[in-house]
Amino acid sequence: MSDWDFLHDMHNDGYSAEQIADATACGYNPWEWQLLDEKELPEEYPQESPELAEIFENLVKSAKTYHALTGRYLQIWGELGELYAEIKFSIKRHKPHTRGSDGKIGNDYIEIKTISPEKSGELAQVKRAGNFNKLFVIKITKDFDFEGRFIERKKLSKGDGKLARVSWSTLTTSDK
């Protein structure tokens, strides 16, 4: 069977000459493919890019599979956390390696920190020198469930050290 036998099958199945010509142009039968329906995406992802939500789901699935196979975690926590924040809370991320914050919601600069299932405690640390109005802490469980909570910068503990620490249990459920 050659790569183009599907064209004969299309003819035998009653497709029009125009549909067969379209299939010839793209190299497959486009009428057998289902388009990604944005309504089928989980409603937990309100962002405008369903492709990002799909990439996120695939990365999480791969990380789960890798952990189940090897007993090790893929070290992609920060990127997973930032991607989750982008698709779940519509945070517009800055270009890579931008200093001071990870993204914006409206006029607020957001710093994103992720608590991985490998961490024994529930503390997130952030540089006090950063240029952000809100800190967004994301917790990923051992079952790869994600939850995010915001805290305003002015509510972070005061101190002279380079880092501010915040405990997950002291954060309230996120409402932006």
Protein backbone atom coordinates (compact mmCIF):
# COMPACT_ATOMS: atom_id res chain seq x y z
CA MET A 1 0.00 0.00 0.00
CA SER A 2 1.47 3.36 -1.01
CA ASP A 3 1.24 6.65 0.84
CA TRP A 4 -1.37 7.84 -1.65
CA ASP A 5 -3.77 4.88 -1.55
CA PHE A 6 -6.03 6.89 0.73
CA LEU A 7 -7.01 8.90 -2.38
CA HIS A 8 -8.49 5.76 -3.97
CA ASP A 9 -10.24 5.00 -0.69
CA MET A 10 -11.69 8.52 -0.65
CA HIS A 11 -12.98 8.04 -4.21
CA ASN A 12 -14.52 4.68 -3.26
CA ASP A 13 -16.10 6.27 -0.16
CA GLY A 14 -17.86 8.89 -2.31
CA TYR A 15 -15.77 12.00 -1.68
CA SER A 16 -16.05 14.68 -4.37
CA ALA A 17 -13.26 15.46 -6.84
CA GLU A 18 -12.70 18.78 -5.04
CA GLN A 19 -12.32 17.03 -1.67
CA ILE A 20 -9.88 14.53 -3.19
CA ALA A 21 -7.89 17.41 -4.74
CA ASP A 22 -7.71 19.10 -1.32
CA ALA A 23 -6.50 15.84 0.21
CA THR A 24 -3.86 15.54 -2.51
CA ALA A 25 -2.62 19.04 -1.71
CA CYS A 26 -2.20 18.35 2.01
CA GLY A 27 -1.13 14.72 1.81
CA TYR A 28 -3.89 13.31 4.01
CA ASN A 29 -7.67 13.19 4.21
CA PRO A 30 -8.53 16.33 6.19
CA TRP A 31 -12.12 15.15 6.67
CA GLU A 32 -10.93 12.31 8.88
CA TRP A 33 -9.24 14.74 11.27
CA GLN A 34 -11.14 16.44 14.02
CA LEU A 35 -10.31 20.05 14.66
CA LEU A 36 -9.43 21.03 18.19
CA ASP A 37 -12.63 22.41 19.61
CA GLU A 38 -11.86 25.03 22.23
CA LYS A 39 -15.09 24.07 24.00
CA GLU A 40 -13.61 20.61 24.63
CA LEU A 41 -10.68 22.05 26.59
CA PRO A 42 -11.06 21.94 30.33
CA GLU A 43 -12.75 25.13 31.51
CA GLU A 44 -9.97 25.53 34.03
CA TYR A 45 -7.88 27.12 31.26
CA PRO A 46 -9.51 30.45 30.36
CA GLN A 47 -6.63 31.76 28.26
CA GLU A 48 -6.79 32.52 24.59
CA SER A 49 -4.29 29.86 23.43
CA PRO A 50 -5.63 26.30 23.45
CA GLU A 51 -2.28 25.15 22.04
CA LEU A 52 -0.54 26.23 25.26
CA ALA A 53 -3.08 24.32 27.35
CA GLU A 54 -2.47 21.23 25.23
CA ILE A 55 1.32 21.59 25.57
CA PHE A 56 0.94 22.00 29.33
CA GLU A 57 -1.21 18.85 29.59
CA ASN A 58 1.32 16.91 27.48
CA LEU A 59 4.25 18.07 29.64
CA VAL A 60 2.43 17.07 32.83
CA LYS A 61 1.54 13.68 31.34
CA SER A 62 5.17 13.14 30.29
CA ALA A 63 6.44 14.13 33.74
CA LYS A 64 3.99 11.70 35.38
CA THR A 65 4.96 8.89 33.03
CA TYR A 66 8.67 9.54 33.58
CA HIS A 67 8.20 9.52 37.35
CA ALA A 68 6.19 6.28 37.23
CA LEU A 69 8.86 4.63 35.07
CA THR A 70 12.03 5.85 36.81
CA GLY A 71 10.97 6.97 40.27
CA ARG A 72 12.61 10.31 39.47
CA TYR A 73 11.06 13.68 38.80
CA LEU A 74 11.85 15.71 35.69
CA GLN A 75 13.34 19.00 36.85
CA ILE A 76 10.92 21.26 35.00
CA TRP A 77 8.99 22.60 37.99
CA GLY A 78 9.60 26.29 37.37
CA GLU A 79 8.55 26.14 33.75
CA LEU A 80 5.48 24.03 34.56
CA GLY A 81 4.50 26.54 37.25
CA GLU A 82 4.91 29.52 34.95
CA LEU A 83 3.04 27.81 32.13
CA TYR A 84 0.22 26.91 34.54
CA ALA A 85 0.05 30.55 35.67
CA GLU A 86 -0.08 31.70 32.07
CA ILE A 87 -2.90 29.41 30.97
CA LYS A 88 -4.93 29.31 34.19
CA PHE A 89 -4.68 32.95 35.32
CA SER A 90 -3.91 34.68 32.00
CA ILE A 91 -0.56 35.98 33.21
CA LYS A 92 1.29 37.46 30.26
CA ARG A 93 4.83 36.18 30.67
CA HIS A 94 7.84 38.33 29.88
CA LYS A 95 10.53 37.25 27.44
CA PRO A 96 12.94 34.64 28.85
CA HIS A 97 15.62 35.94 31.23
CA THR A 98 13.78 39.18 32.01
CA ARG A 99 14.91 40.29 35.46
CA GLY A 100 12.65 41.36 38.28
CA SER A 101 9.39 39.56 37.50
CA ASP A 102 8.00 36.76 35.39
CA GLY A 103 4.96 38.44 33.87
CA LYS A 104 2.02 40.81 34.20
CA ILE A 105 -1.69 40.79 34.93
CA GLY A 106 -3.08 44.17 34.00
CA ASN A 107 -0.72 46.70 35.60
CA ASP A 108 0.64 44.29 38.21
CA TYR A 109 4.06 42.72 37.79
CA ILE A 110 3.97 39.10 38.95
CA GLU A 111 6.80 36.96 40.31
CA ILE A 112 6.02 33.23 40.06
CA LYS A 113 7.46 30.63 42.44
CA THR A 114 6.73 26.92 42.35
CA ILE A 115 6.70 24.49 45.27
CA SER A 116 7.50 21.05 43.87
CA PRO A 117 6.47 17.72 45.39
CA GLU A 118 10.17 17.12 46.15
CA LYS A 119 10.32 19.95 48.67
CA SER A 120 9.96 18.75 52.24
CA GLY A 121 8.50 22.06 53.44
CA GLU A 122 5.89 24.36 52.07
CA LEU A 123 8.04 27.47 51.84
CA ALA A 124 8.63 29.61 48.77
CA GLN A 125 11.51 32.06 48.64
CA VAL A 126 11.66 35.21 46.54
CA LYS A 127 14.35 37.85 46.07
CA ARG A 128 13.36 41.09 47.79
CA ALA A 129 15.14 43.05 45.03
CA GLY A 130 12.69 41.87 42.37
CA ASN A 131 10.44 44.27 40.52
CA PHE A 132 7.00 42.79 41.29
CA ASN A 133 3.72 43.85 42.92
CA LYS A 134 2.39 40.36 43.57
CA LEU A 135 3.92 36.99 44.25
CA PHE A 136 2.14 34.00 42.77
CA VAL A 137 3.00 30.71 44.48
CA ILE A 138 2.11 27.47 42.76
CA LYS A 139 2.09 24.17 44.58
CA ILE A 140 2.40 20.90 42.65
CA THR A 141 1.41 17.75 44.55
CA LYS A 142 2.90 14.27 44.19
CA ASP A 143 -0.16 13.46 42.04
CA PHE A 144 0.73 16.40 39.77
CA ASP A 145 -2.23 18.49 40.85
CA PHE A 146 -1.64 22.24 40.59
CA GLU A 147 -2.92 25.06 42.78
CA GLY A 148 -1.91 28.71 42.79
CA ARG A 149 -2.23 31.51 45.34
CA PHE A 150 -1.35 35.20 45.20
CA ILE A 151 0.09 37.44 47.87
CA GLU A 152 0.70 41.16 47.54
CA ARG A 153 4.33 42.17 47.91
CA LYS A 154 3.54 44.54 50.79
CA LYS A 155 2.22 41.57 52.79
CA LEU A 156 5.52 39.67 52.57
CA SER A 157 7.56 39.49 55.75
CA LYS A 158 9.82 42.46 56.35
CA GLY A 159 13.52 41.96 56.88
CA ASP A 160 17.04 42.80 55.86
CA GLY A 161 17.88 39.53 54.12
CA LYS A 162 18.05 39.12 50.36
CA LEU A 163 15.15 36.64 50.39
CA ALA A 164 11.60 36.82 51.66
CA ARG A 165 9.97 33.54 52.63
CA VAL A 166 6.31 32.73 52.52
CA SER A 167 4.55 29.61 53.78
CA TRP A 168 1.93 27.98 51.58
CA SER A 169 -0.41 27.52 54.55
CA THR A 170 -0.50 31.28 55.19
CA LEU A 171 -1.65 32.09 51.66
CA THR A 172 -5.33 32.41 50.84
CA THR A 173 -6.99 30.87 47.82
CA SER A 174 -6.21 32.82 44.69
CA ASP A 175 -8.51 35.52 43.40
CA LYS A 176 -5.94 37.63 41.55
